[in-house]
Amino acid sequence: MKKIILSFLVLAFAVVHAQQLAYPKTKKDAQVDDYFGTKVADPYRWLEDDNSPETKAWVDEENKVTFDYLSKIPFRGKIKTRLTQVWNFEKLSVPYKKSGMYFSFYNNGLQNQSILFMQKKLTEPRMELLDPNKLSAEGTASLSGWAVSKDGKLMAYGISHAGSDWVEIHVMEIATKKVLEDKVEWVKFSGISWYKNGFYYSRYDTPAEGKALTTKNTGHKVYYHVVGTQQSADKLIFSDTEHPDRNFGADVTEDEDYLILTGSESTSGNSLWIKKTSDESNNWQKYVNGFDSDFRVIGNDGDNFYVLTNNKASNQRLLKMTYGKTEESSWSVLIGEQKDLMETVEMCSDKFLVKYLHDATTQMFVYDKACKQSSLVKLTGVCKVDGLNATKEDTVAFYACYTFTAPPVIYSYNIKTNKSEFFFKPKIDFESDDYETKQVFYTSKDGTKVPMFVTGKKGFKLDGNNPCFVYAYGGFNISLTPSFRT
């Protein structure tokens, strides 16, 4: 009863205080639009110009009301102090191995952006490579994509300013941390993929002066930039003038023998083209021309490509495509569709590491090159695996295990011994061991068993007598999997 009264008093304080707020008067214009004979009033159109002095003055007045109200909340300082305590813990990304070195992002607790570190050996201290917090004095620049050259000497990285989708690509010498003079501009919706002494990227034409944020972006193109040259000398690799609204991206295979080109029209479905990097005539082989399904090349062995797709398999399957054989009849199924969703496939040594979504949790299996399931990766409790990183040159993979009661724990996994070991476990000002998660199932109207998670103090009983905060979501193929929310 005391809790109910306290909640009522807090609510009453908020309501009474809100009634006393004096909001600034917002001007209404006589703006009316005629849509095929139907007139629609839009009196606040003037506020769409976020750079005008009039809009700025309106925002300033609104902020005065807002921050005056917030400053008078008596318990706000305590909330901030406690949130700072529980947010302030070390965070490390899953290590990524490239060119014999390990790369990971580390945050000491409260840094705005995590710092990119590298190690030659995992037993050695991490060395800082790039601190995104220092990209601008105002703290308004962020790292937007990065890639290391095959020889491990250079790193190309993108910078986004003030949250813009526009990205500038720069190049750094890894050994000296020297930033070279290369500057590639007007990049958007692009990866960075190295080949020899340069990299592939995607960009739009330079917009007119002052129109960078308002002009419609059309004509996405793929270019190749050679380190040490001006962007004006970059070679055009692919463009599609007949379909100016499509986006394109290029990725080089690990052996640098092939270039994979994908095209898209929306957020799902892509075309797939492949060519040899040594072919200067742009002789693309077209494997998929439509946009009805997703096709992602996860690796190759010579001229055989392993492709994860939802084509004719809503839960996805793994296909093999061979260079020079583009007809669908020549595709072969390596791992067929299962009852569970095949989320990710990684090549690790001479095997495939396959991650499935099973009842909103993760199951991982190892398949040999004959694509026979050889082992189950043992995971800890009810969890979701994310950030799975592996290479076919190594026998060790890394992954992060997410739960509802603790920050993600990183493991190293040896595919030869089928054993996982702790790699990194954060410490946090919260007694995670005092809590547990149980998975239950609720049967819907059509008989479907819907998985649900219930988290609480260890030993709690599902007897209907516990207050419960319920959260659910549906849409866009997004499942609510285990995750730690500070």
Protein backbone atom coordinates (compact mmCIF):
# COMPACT_ATOMS: atom_id res chain seq x y z
CA MET A 1 0.00 0.00 0.00
CA LYS A 2 2.88 2.39 0.80
CA LYS A 3 4.31 1.85 -2.70
CA ILE A 4 0.93 2.63 -4.27
CA ILE A 5 0.55 5.85 -2.25
CA LEU A 6 4.10 6.94 -3.10
CA SER A 7 3.52 6.28 -6.81
CA PHE A 8 0.28 8.29 -6.64
CA LEU A 9 2.02 11.24 -4.94
CA VAL A 10 4.81 11.28 -7.55
CA LEU A 11 2.22 11.17 -10.33
CA ALA A 12 0.19 13.92 -8.66
CA PHE A 13 3.32 16.09 -8.37
CA ALA A 14 4.02 15.61 -12.08
CA VAL A 15 0.45 16.40 -13.14
CA VAL A 16 0.13 19.52 -10.96
CA HIS A 17 3.55 20.76 -12.02
CA ALA A 18 2.73 20.15 -15.70
CA GLN A 19 -0.44 22.23 -15.34
CA GLN A 20 1.67 25.18 -14.17
CA LEU A 21 4.00 25.07 -17.16
CA ALA A 22 3.79 28.10 -19.43
CA TYR A 23 4.63 26.89 -22.93
CA PRO A 24 5.72 29.47 -25.51
CA LYS A 25 3.09 30.32 -28.09
CA THR A 26 3.74 28.63 -31.43
CA LYS A 27 2.92 30.69 -34.50
CA LYS A 28 0.49 29.28 -37.05
CA ASP A 29 0.81 30.12 -40.73
CA ALA A 30 -1.94 30.08 -43.32
CA GLN A 31 -0.13 27.37 -45.31
CA VAL A 32 -2.58 25.15 -47.21
CA ASP A 33 -1.68 22.51 -49.82
CA ASP A 34 -4.04 21.33 -52.54
CA TYR A 35 -3.75 17.58 -53.20
CA PHE A 36 -5.88 16.83 -56.26
CA GLY A 37 -8.73 19.00 -55.01
CA THR A 38 -8.34 18.18 -51.32
CA LYS A 39 -7.01 21.08 -49.27
CA VAL A 40 -4.76 20.18 -46.31
CA ALA A 41 -3.66 22.80 -43.78
CA ASP A 42 -0.03 22.72 -42.64
CA PRO A 43 0.29 25.70 -40.23
CA TYR A 44 3.65 24.61 -38.79
CA ARG A 45 5.49 24.26 -42.10
CA TRP A 46 7.84 27.06 -41.07
CA LEU A 47 9.35 24.80 -38.39
CA GLU A 48 10.70 22.44 -41.08
CA ASP A 49 13.46 24.95 -41.78
CA ASP A 50 15.67 23.92 -38.87
CA ASN A 51 18.35 26.47 -39.81
CA SER A 52 16.18 29.58 -39.70
CA PRO A 53 16.63 32.12 -36.85
CA GLU A 54 12.88 31.88 -36.17
CA THR A 55 13.01 28.10 -35.63
CA LYS A 56 16.12 28.41 -33.47
CA ALA A 57 14.40 30.97 -31.25
CA TRP A 58 11.37 28.65 -30.89
CA VAL A 59 13.62 25.73 -29.90
CA ASP A 60 15.42 27.89 -27.33
CA GLU A 61 12.11 28.87 -25.73
CA GLU A 62 10.91 25.27 -25.62
CA ASN A 63 14.21 24.18 -24.04
CA LYS A 64 13.85 26.78 -21.30
CA VAL A 65 10.52 25.24 -20.28
CA THR A 66 11.84 21.68 -20.50
CA PHE A 67 15.07 22.10 -18.55
CA ASP A 68 13.43 24.30 -15.92
CA TYR A 69 10.97 21.48 -15.24
CA LEU A 70 13.64 18.76 -15.22
CA SER A 71 15.89 20.72 -12.84
CA LYS A 72 13.14 20.72 -10.19
CA ILE A 73 12.63 16.95 -10.05
CA PRO A 74 13.96 16.15 -6.54
CA PHE A 75 15.18 12.58 -7.22
CA ARG A 76 16.74 13.26 -10.64
CA GLY A 77 20.26 13.53 -9.25
CA LYS A 78 20.01 10.16 -7.50
CA ILE A 79 18.83 8.50 -10.70
CA LYS A 80 21.76 10.00 -12.62
CA THR A 81 24.25 8.85 -9.96
CA ARG A 82 22.94 5.28 -9.98
CA LEU A 83 22.78 5.08 -13.78
CA THR A 84 26.37 6.35 -13.97
CA GLN A 85 27.43 3.60 -11.57
CA VAL A 86 25.85 0.77 -13.55
CA TRP A 87 26.90 2.17 -16.94
CA ASN A 88 30.49 2.58 -15.81
CA PHE A 89 32.01 -0.81 -16.62
CA GLU A 90 34.59 -2.06 -19.13
CA LYS A 91 33.30 -3.07 -22.54
CA LEU A 92 35.16 -5.04 -25.21
CA SER A 93 34.03 -6.07 -28.68
CA VAL A 94 34.56 -9.55 -30.05
CA PRO A 95 38.15 -9.79 -31.39
CA TYR A 96 38.58 -9.78 -35.14
CA LYS A 97 41.68 -11.38 -36.68
CA LYS A 98 43.22 -9.94 -39.82
CA SER A 99 46.72 -10.25 -41.27
CA GLY A 100 48.01 -12.06 -38.19
CA MET A 101 46.78 -9.34 -35.81
CA TYR A 102 43.78 -9.06 -33.50
CA PHE A 103 41.56 -5.97 -33.52
CA SER A 104 38.91 -5.03 -30.97
CA PHE A 105 37.08 -2.00 -29.60
CA TYR A 106 37.53 -1.18 -25.92
CA ASN A 107 35.65 1.26 -23.68
CA ASN A 108 36.80 1.95 -20.13
CA GLY A 109 33.23 2.62 -19.04
CA LEU A 110 31.86 6.08 -19.85
CA GLN A 111 33.64 7.02 -23.07
CA ASN A 112 31.32 8.31 -25.79
CA GLN A 113 32.92 6.07 -28.39
CA SER A 114 34.92 2.89 -27.97
CA ILE A 115 38.59 2.97 -29.02
CA LEU A 116 40.04 0.65 -31.66
CA PHE A 117 42.95 -1.43 -30.34
CA MET A 118 45.22 -4.06 -31.87
CA GLN A 119 47.33 -6.96 -30.57
CA LYS A 120 49.87 -9.16 -32.29
CA LYS A 121 49.24 -11.79 -29.61
CA LEU A 122 46.24 -12.07 -27.32
CA THR A 123 48.58 -12.47 -24.37
CA GLU A 124 50.15 -9.05 -25.05
CA PRO A 125 48.73 -5.68 -23.91
CA ARG A 126 46.35 -3.97 -26.32
CA MET A 127 47.83 -1.09 -28.32
CA GLU A 128 45.64 1.89 -29.21
CA LEU A 129 45.20 2.30 -32.95
CA LEU A 130 42.42 4.86 -33.39
CA ASP A 131 40.44 6.89 -30.86
CA PRO A 132 37.18 8.14 -32.46
CA ASN A 133 36.70 10.52 -29.51
CA LYS A 134 39.59 12.58 -30.90
CA LEU A 135 38.29 12.84 -34.46
CA SER A 136 36.81 16.27 -33.71
CA ALA A 137 37.27 18.79 -30.92
CA GLU A 138 33.50 19.08 -30.45
CA GLY A 139 33.00 15.32 -30.25
CA THR A 140 30.62 15.36 -33.24
CA ALA A 141 32.60 12.99 -35.49
CA SER A 142 32.27 9.21 -35.37
CA LEU A 143 33.95 6.20 -36.90
CA SER A 144 31.90 4.77 -39.75
CA GLY A 145 33.46 1.56 -41.02
CA TRP A 146 37.07 0.41 -41.23
CA ALA A 147 39.13 -2.22 -43.03
CA VAL A 148 42.71 -3.51 -42.84
CA SER A 149 44.76 -4.34 -45.92
CA LYS A 150 45.76 -7.96 -46.55
CA ASP A 151 49.41 -7.28 -45.68
CA GLY A 152 48.39 -5.57 -42.44
CA LYS A 153 50.24 -2.36 -43.23
CA LEU A 154 47.35 0.02 -43.90
CA MET A 155 43.89 0.72 -42.54
CA ALA A 156 41.16 2.66 -44.31
CA TYR A 157 38.46 4.13 -42.11
CA GLY A 158 35.37 6.26 -42.57
CA ILE A 159 34.43 9.38 -40.60
CA SER A 160 30.88 10.69 -40.25
CA HIS A 161 30.38 14.27 -39.08
CA ALA A 162 27.40 15.38 -36.97
CA GLY A 163 25.53 12.15 -37.55
CA SER A 164 25.43 12.54 -41.33
CA ASP A 165 25.22 9.55 -43.68
CA TRP A 166 27.98 11.19 -45.73
CA VAL A 167 31.34 9.59 -44.97
CA GLU A 168 34.94 10.61 -45.62
CA ILE A 169 37.44 7.77 -46.00
CA HIS A 170 40.99 8.25 -44.72
CA VAL A 171 44.04 5.96 -44.69
CA MET A 172 46.45 5.25 -41.83
CA GLU A 173 49.81 3.47 -41.66
CA ILE A 174 49.24 0.93 -38.90
CA ALA A 175 52.86 0.66 -37.70
CA THR A 176 53.37 4.43 -37.32
CA LYS A 177 49.71 5.55 -36.92
CA LYS A 178 50.49 8.18 -39.55
CA VAL A 179 47.40 9.43 -41.37
CA LEU A 180 48.15 9.71 -45.08
CA GLU A 181 46.93 12.48 -47.38
CA ASP A 182 44.26 10.29 -49.00
CA LYS A 183 40.74 11.68 -48.62
CA VAL A 184 37.78 10.06 -50.36
CA GLU A 185 34.56 12.08 -50.17
CA TRP A 186 30.82 11.78 -50.90
CA VAL A 187 30.74 8.19 -49.77
CA LYS A 188 27.41 6.84 -48.54
CA PHE A 189 25.98 3.36 -47.87
CA SER A 190 29.35 1.82 -48.56
CA GLY A 191 31.79 -0.72 -47.27
CA ILE A 192 35.58 -0.61 -47.66
CA SER A 193 37.22 -3.61 -49.30
CA TRP A 194 40.97 -3.80 -49.91
CA TYR A 195 42.65 -5.14 -53.02
CA LYS A 196 46.42 -4.81 -53.40
CA ASN A 197 47.40 -1.15 -52.77
CA GLY A 198 43.89 0.25 -52.79
CA PHE A 199 40.27 -0.38 -51.92
CA TYR A 200 36.79 -0.53 -53.41
CA TYR A 201 34.06 1.78 -52.13
CA SER A 202 30.67 3.18 -53.20
CA ARG A 203 29.75 6.84 -53.65
CA TYR A 204 27.44 9.36 -55.27
CA ASP A 205 28.39 12.22 -57.55
CA THR A 206 29.43 15.41 -55.79
CA PRO A 207 26.25 17.37 -54.90
CA ALA A 208 25.82 21.01 -55.81
CA GLU A 209 27.16 23.60 -53.36
CA GLY A 210 24.90 23.81 -50.31
CA LYS A 211 22.70 20.90 -51.48
CA ALA A 212 24.50 18.00 -49.75
CA LEU A 213 21.69 17.47 -47.23
CA THR A 214 18.70 18.21 -49.44
CA THR A 215 19.41 16.79 -52.91
CA LYS A 216 18.01 13.35 -53.73
CA ASN A 217 20.83 10.80 -53.98
CA THR A 218 20.81 8.89 -57.26
CA GLY A 219 23.41 7.10 -59.33
CA HIS A 220 25.26 5.01 -56.73
CA LYS A 221 28.60 3.90 -58.20
CA VAL A 222 31.48 1.61 -57.21
CA TYR A 223 35.03 2.97 -57.49
CA TYR A 224 38.57 1.74 -56.81
CA HIS A 225 40.99 4.07 -55.03
CA VAL A 226 44.78 3.59 -55.15
CA VAL A 227 46.53 4.76 -51.97
CA GLY A 228 48.62 7.88 -52.57
CA THR A 229 46.53 9.20 -55.45
CA GLN A 230 43.85 11.88 -55.72
CA GLN A 231 40.20 10.83 -55.65
CA SER A 232 39.77 12.34 -59.10
CA ALA A 233 41.97 9.50 -60.41
CA ASP A 234 39.78 6.75 -58.90
CA LYS A 235 38.64 4.12 -61.38
CA LEU A 236 34.93 3.63 -61.99
CA ILE A 237 34.20 -0.08 -61.52
CA PHE A 238 30.43 -0.26 -61.82
CA SER A 239 27.43 1.99 -62.47
CA ASP A 240 23.86 1.42 -63.63
CA THR A 241 22.47 4.48 -65.42
CA GLU A 242 19.22 2.67 -66.24
CA HIS A 243 18.40 2.19 -62.54
CA PRO A 244 19.62 5.33 -60.74
CA ASP A 245 17.84 4.50 -57.45
CA ARG A 246 19.68 1.24 -56.84
CA ASN A 247 22.58 0.88 -54.39
CA PHE A 248 25.71 -1.17 -55.04
CA GLY A 249 28.49 -2.58 -52.90
CA ALA A 250 31.69 -4.49 -53.72
CA ASP A 251 33.61 -6.97 -51.57
CA VAL A 252 36.87 -8.75 -52.31
CA THR A 253 37.26 -12.41 -51.32
CA GLU A 254 39.92 -13.21 -48.70
CA ASP A 255 42.24 -14.62 -51.38
CA GLU A 256 41.76 -11.36 -53.38
CA ASP A 257 41.01 -13.37 -56.51
CA TYR A 258 37.37 -12.33 -56.91
CA LEU A 259 35.20 -9.25 -56.55
CA ILE A 260 31.62 -9.73 -55.32
CA LEU A 261 29.07 -7.11 -56.42
CA THR A 262 25.66 -6.81 -54.77
CA GLY A 263 22.85 -4.48 -55.79
CA SER A 264 19.72 -3.54 -53.86
CA GLU A 265 16.50 -1.63 -54.36
CA SER A 266 15.23 -1.63 -50.75
CA THR A 267 16.07 -3.06 -47.33
CA SER A 268 15.78 -6.69 -48.46
CA GLY A 269 16.73 -8.71 -51.51
CA ASN A 270 19.83 -8.26 -53.65
CA SER A 271 21.36 -9.08 -57.00
CA LEU A 272 24.69 -10.92 -57.13
CA TRP A 273 27.48 -10.54 -59.66
CA ILE A 274 31.04 -11.91 -59.53
CA LYS A 275 34.19 -11.18 -61.52
CA LYS A 276 37.89 -11.92 -61.26
CA THR A 277 39.87 -9.03 -59.79
CA SER A 278 42.54 -9.60 -62.44
CA ASP A 279 39.97 -9.01 -65.21
CA GLU A 280 40.36 -5.38 -66.32
CA SER A 281 37.50 -5.63 -68.84
CA ASN A 282 34.77 -5.71 -66.15
CA ASN A 283 33.52 -9.08 -67.36
CA TRP A 284 30.89 -9.63 -64.67
CA GLN A 285 29.15 -12.97 -64.30
CA LYS A 286 25.54 -12.45 -63.23
CA TYR A 287 24.23 -15.06 -60.78
CA VAL A 288 21.16 -13.27 -59.41
CA ASN A 289 19.40 -10.47 -61.25
CA GLY A 290 16.25 -9.96 -59.18
CA PHE A 291 15.62 -8.67 -55.66
CA ASP A 292 13.21 -11.27 -54.28
CA SER A 293 15.78 -12.96 -51.99
CA ASP A 294 18.93 -12.22 -50.02
CA PHE A 295 22.25 -13.70 -51.15
CA ARG A 296 25.39 -13.25 -49.02
CA VAL A 297 28.73 -14.78 -50.01
CA ILE A 298 30.34 -15.94 -46.75
CA GLY A 299 33.57 -17.19 -48.35
CA ASN A 300 35.14 -19.22 -51.11
CA ASP A 301 37.55 -22.02 -51.89
CA GLY A 302 39.05 -21.16 -55.24
CA ASP A 303 36.22 -20.82 -57.75
CA ASN A 304 33.62 -22.31 -55.38
CA PHE A 305 31.55 -19.75 -53.46
CA TYR A 306 29.53 -20.44 -50.31
CA VAL A 307 26.34 -18.39 -50.24
CA LEU A 308 23.86 -17.92 -47.39
CA THR A 309 20.38 -17.25 -48.79
CA ASN A 310 16.66 -17.24 -48.04
CA ASN A 311 15.96 -18.10 -51.68
CA LYS A 312 13.31 -20.86 -51.59
CA ALA A 313 14.08 -21.19 -47.87
CA SER A 314 12.56 -18.68 -45.45
CA ASN A 315 14.80 -20.04 -42.67
CA GLN A 316 17.82 -19.79 -44.99
CA ARG A 317 20.16 -22.41 -46.41
CA LEU A 318 23.78 -22.62 -47.55
CA LEU A 319 24.46 -22.97 -51.27
CA LYS A 320 27.56 -23.55 -53.37
CA MET A 321 27.98 -21.58 -56.58
CA THR A 322 30.84 -22.15 -59.00
CA TYR A 323 32.51 -19.44 -61.05
CA GLY A 324 31.56 -19.82 -64.69
CA LYS A 325 28.29 -21.66 -63.89
CA THR A 326 25.68 -18.96 -63.36
CA GLU A 327 22.51 -20.97 -64.02
CA GLU A 328 20.41 -21.75 -60.96
CA SER A 329 20.37 -25.40 -62.01
CA SER A 330 24.12 -25.52 -61.29
CA TRP A 331 23.74 -24.34 -57.67
CA SER A 332 24.07 -27.08 -55.09
CA VAL A 333 22.64 -27.18 -51.56
CA LEU A 334 25.32 -27.74 -48.91
CA ILE A 335 23.21 -27.26 -45.79
CA GLY A 336 19.46 -27.33 -46.33
CA GLU A 337 16.76 -25.34 -44.61
CA GLN A 338 16.01 -26.40 -41.04
CA LYS A 339 13.12 -25.84 -38.63
CA ASP A 340 15.23 -23.12 -36.97
CA LEU A 341 16.52 -19.96 -38.67
CA MET A 342 20.10 -20.23 -39.96
CA GLU A 343 21.32 -16.80 -38.87
CA THR A 344 25.04 -16.88 -39.64
CA VAL A 345 27.64 -19.12 -41.23
CA GLU A 346 31.36 -18.58 -40.70
CA MET A 347 34.24 -20.49 -42.25
CA CYS A 348 36.62 -21.64 -39.52
CA SER A 349 39.63 -23.74 -40.49
CA ASP A 350 38.29 -26.44 -42.82
CA LYS A 351 34.80 -26.41 -41.33
CA PHE A 352 31.61 -24.34 -41.18
CA LEU A 353 30.46 -22.76 -37.92
CA VAL A 354 26.68 -22.36 -38.18
CA LYS A 355 24.52 -20.31 -35.80
CA TYR A 356 20.79 -21.01 -35.53
CA LEU A 357 17.99 -19.12 -33.80
CA HIS A 358 16.14 -21.72 -31.72
CA ASP A 359 13.14 -20.49 -29.71
CA ALA A 360 14.71 -16.98 -29.57
CA THR A 361 18.01 -18.39 -28.23
CA THR A 362 21.19 -19.51 -29.98
CA GLN A 363 22.33 -22.97 -30.97
CA MET A 364 25.66 -23.40 -32.78
CA PHE A 365 26.79 -26.42 -34.74
CA VAL A 366 29.96 -27.40 -36.57
CA TYR A 367 29.68 -28.88 -40.06
CA ASP A 368 32.57 -30.49 -41.89
CA LYS A 369 33.38 -29.75 -45.53
CA ALA A 370 31.06 -32.57 -46.55
CA CYS A 371 28.43 -30.49 -44.72
CA LYS A 372 27.66 -33.19 -42.19
CA GLN A 373 26.90 -31.94 -38.69
CA SER A 374 29.86 -33.00 -36.58
CA SER A 375 29.36 -31.33 -33.19
CA LEU A 376 27.22 -29.01 -31.05
CA VAL A 377 28.92 -25.98 -29.48
CA LYS A 378 28.10 -26.00 -25.77
CA LEU A 379 26.81 -22.61 -24.62
CA THR A 380 26.20 -21.27 -21.12
CA GLY A 381 22.53 -21.20 -20.13
CA VAL A 382 19.80 -19.21 -21.88
CA CYS A 383 21.71 -16.86 -24.17
CA LYS A 384 22.04 -15.23 -27.56
CA VAL A 385 25.36 -15.38 -29.40
CA ASP A 386 26.40 -12.32 -31.34
CA GLY A 387 29.56 -10.96 -32.92
CA LEU A 388 30.74 -14.35 -34.16
CA ASN A 389 34.17 -13.87 -35.78
CA ALA A 390 36.21 -16.59 -37.48
CA THR A 391 38.54 -17.09 -40.45
CA LYS A 392 39.27 -20.15 -42.53
CA GLU A 393 43.00 -19.71 -41.81
CA ASP A 394 42.53 -20.27 -38.07
CA THR A 395 41.07 -22.92 -35.77
CA VAL A 396 39.91 -20.43 -33.13
CA ALA A 397 36.74 -18.34 -33.32
CA PHE A 398 35.39 -15.67 -30.94
CA TYR A 399 31.86 -14.88 -29.91
CA ALA A 400 29.89 -12.91 -27.31
CA CYS A 401 27.20 -14.50 -25.16
CA TYR A 402 24.28 -12.21 -24.21
CA THR A 403 21.93 -12.82 -21.27
CA PHE A 404 19.27 -10.80 -19.46
CA THR A 405 21.18 -10.63 -16.18
CA ALA A 406 24.75 -9.65 -17.07
CA PRO A 407 26.77 -7.77 -19.71
CA PRO A 408 27.95 -9.92 -22.65
CA VAL A 409 30.76 -12.37 -21.96
CA ILE A 410 33.30 -13.06 -24.73
CA TYR A 411 34.53 -16.58 -25.37
CA SER A 412 37.20 -18.11 -27.58
CA TYR A 413 36.18 -21.35 -29.27
CA ASN A 414 38.56 -24.01 -30.61
CA ILE A 415 36.85 -25.79 -33.48
CA LYS A 416 39.30 -28.73 -33.32
CA THR A 417 38.66 -29.52 -29.63
CA ASN A 418 35.06 -28.21 -29.59
CA LYS A 419 35.76 -26.28 -26.39
CA SER A 420 35.00 -22.70 -25.39
CA GLU A 421 37.02 -20.68 -22.87
CA PHE A 422 36.40 -17.36 -21.11
CA PHE A 423 38.14 -14.52 -22.90
CA PHE A 424 36.60 -11.41 -21.33
CA LYS A 425 34.00 -10.95 -18.61
CA PRO A 426 33.04 -7.41 -17.56
CA LYS A 427 32.65 -6.40 -13.94
CA ILE A 428 29.57 -4.36 -13.10
CA ASP A 429 28.03 -2.79 -10.00
CA PHE A 430 25.10 -5.21 -10.09
CA GLU A 431 24.73 -8.63 -8.45
CA SER A 432 23.99 -10.66 -11.58
CA ASP A 433 24.34 -13.97 -9.73
CA ASP A 434 21.32 -13.09 -7.60
CA TYR A 435 19.03 -13.36 -10.63
CA GLU A 436 17.98 -16.04 -13.10
CA THR A 437 16.06 -16.37 -16.35
CA LYS A 438 13.48 -19.02 -17.12
CA GLN A 439 12.05 -19.71 -20.55
CA VAL A 440 8.36 -20.47 -20.83
CA PHE A 441 5.98 -20.90 -23.76
CA TYR A 442 2.57 -19.42 -24.35
CA THR A 443 0.17 -21.08 -26.79
CA SER A 444 -1.50 -18.57 -29.12
CA LYS A 445 -4.94 -18.90 -30.77
CA ASP A 446 -3.65 -20.90 -33.72
CA GLY A 447 -1.69 -23.31 -31.53
CA THR A 448 1.72 -21.69 -32.08
CA LYS A 449 3.95 -21.91 -29.04
CA VAL A 450 5.41 -18.46 -28.44
CA PRO A 451 8.68 -18.42 -26.45
CA MET A 452 8.87 -16.00 -23.53
CA PHE A 453 11.57 -15.19 -20.97
CA VAL A 454 10.94 -14.45 -17.29
CA THR A 455 13.78 -12.94 -15.25
CA GLY A 456 13.76 -12.41 -11.52
CA LYS A 457 15.45 -13.11 -8.18
CA LYS A 458 16.77 -16.68 -7.95
CA GLY A 459 14.15 -19.02 -6.62
CA PHE A 460 11.14 -16.98 -7.72
CA LYS A 461 7.99 -18.98 -8.40
CA LEU A 462 5.69 -18.58 -11.38
CA ASP A 463 2.56 -18.57 -9.22
CA GLY A 464 0.94 -15.34 -10.42
CA ASN A 465 1.79 -13.36 -7.29
CA ASN A 466 4.82 -11.43 -8.57
CA PRO A 467 4.56 -7.90 -10.01
CA CYS A 468 5.99 -8.06 -13.53
CA PHE A 469 7.19 -5.58 -16.12
CA VAL A 470 6.15 -6.97 -19.52
CA TYR A 471 7.79 -6.03 -22.81
CA ALA A 472 7.04 -7.42 -26.26
CA TYR A 473 7.62 -6.51 -29.89
CA GLY A 474 6.65 -7.80 -33.31
CA GLY A 475 7.70 -6.80 -36.81
CA PHE A 476 10.50 -6.73 -39.38
CA ASN A 477 11.60 -10.30 -38.51
CA ILE A 478 13.03 -8.96 -35.24
CA SER A 479 12.99 -11.43 -32.35
CA LEU A 480 13.41 -10.33 -28.74
CA THR A 481 16.43 -12.39 -27.82
CA PRO A 482 18.41 -12.31 -24.54
CA SER A 483 20.15 -8.97 -24.06
CA PHE A 484 21.43 -6.99 -21.09
CA ARG A 485 19.84 -3.56 -20.64
CA THR A 486 21.54 -1.42 -18.05
